[in-house]
Amino acid sequence: MKNLLKLWITNSLFNKPNDTVTKIELRGVLDLYLGDQKQYSDDLSSFYPFLSYKEIERSKRFIHKRDERTYVISHACVNRKISGVLNEPFNSVDINYFSDKKPFVEAKSIEFNLSHSYDCFAFAVSNMENLIIGVDIECVIEKTDISLIIDHFFHPNESTYIQNNNISEDKQLKRFYEIWTRKEAFLKMMGLGLTDFLSELDFSPENKEINIEIPVGKDSNYINEVYIDTIYLQNNSIASVATNMPVSVLPVSCLSN
């Protein structure tokens, strides 16, 4: 049986207040931590004290050095932030993964989610009660052939929104990534991962409802509405944050924390 979820979609500019969401009764501020691996130390071993043994082993399986660096640095930043929020040493924080690979902290009331794309990464960590988070960031790649992807994985309303002849190809490409990050952030919040029914999900700006079967799990009782904030960032990347309650998403540089 499918559930009808109320959907709120907003767009923010970098470090600009979200006027639409602030008209709703906000539950708090959610910091969206942003980073670029090129701005960190070249010595990856300096990040290993903040990684689990499994994370270190996995990082060494990446073929490209850039992907390894982004993985190591982003996961170290997340783990340090979780350690700080819990006020516990990192080694005492037990991070596990559900069957869908969504991470969680064992026996702790904390929610987090992480995404990385090329050099960039983004994550959010919160101890707000019953808050569920999904995060996705994508670098805008100019030579991306979006037509085939749209045909297979996008709703007709999304296709119309993206492939608008009245806007430039550059704007169409950015709209493509805008929609894609919303889909990813939503699915990560739901703990679904990529699915076979992506084309049934409509995240175009005018849509107000999502009809989807909610998986039975620890979070299923807390998902009645979906709030998605899409943020155009200054480094030619786009991020979306999906939550189950209205929060103000605040972009924060990892290097400043």
Foldseek 3Di string as FASTA:
>chain_A
DKAKAFEAEFEDEAQGWTVVLVVPPAPEEWEKAKEFLVPDDPDLVVLVLQDDPVQVVVLVPDPDPQSSSQSSVQSSLVLVVVCVVVVHDSVVWAWDADPLRQIDTPPAQKEKEKEDERRMIIMIIDNPHLKFKFKYKYAQDPPDPCPVVCVQQAAPVLVCVLPPPVDDPVSSSVSSQQVVQQLRGVCSSLSNHDDRVNRQAHPPNVDTIDIGHRDDDPNSVQARYKYKYWYQDPNRMIMIMIIRGRHIYHYDYSVVD
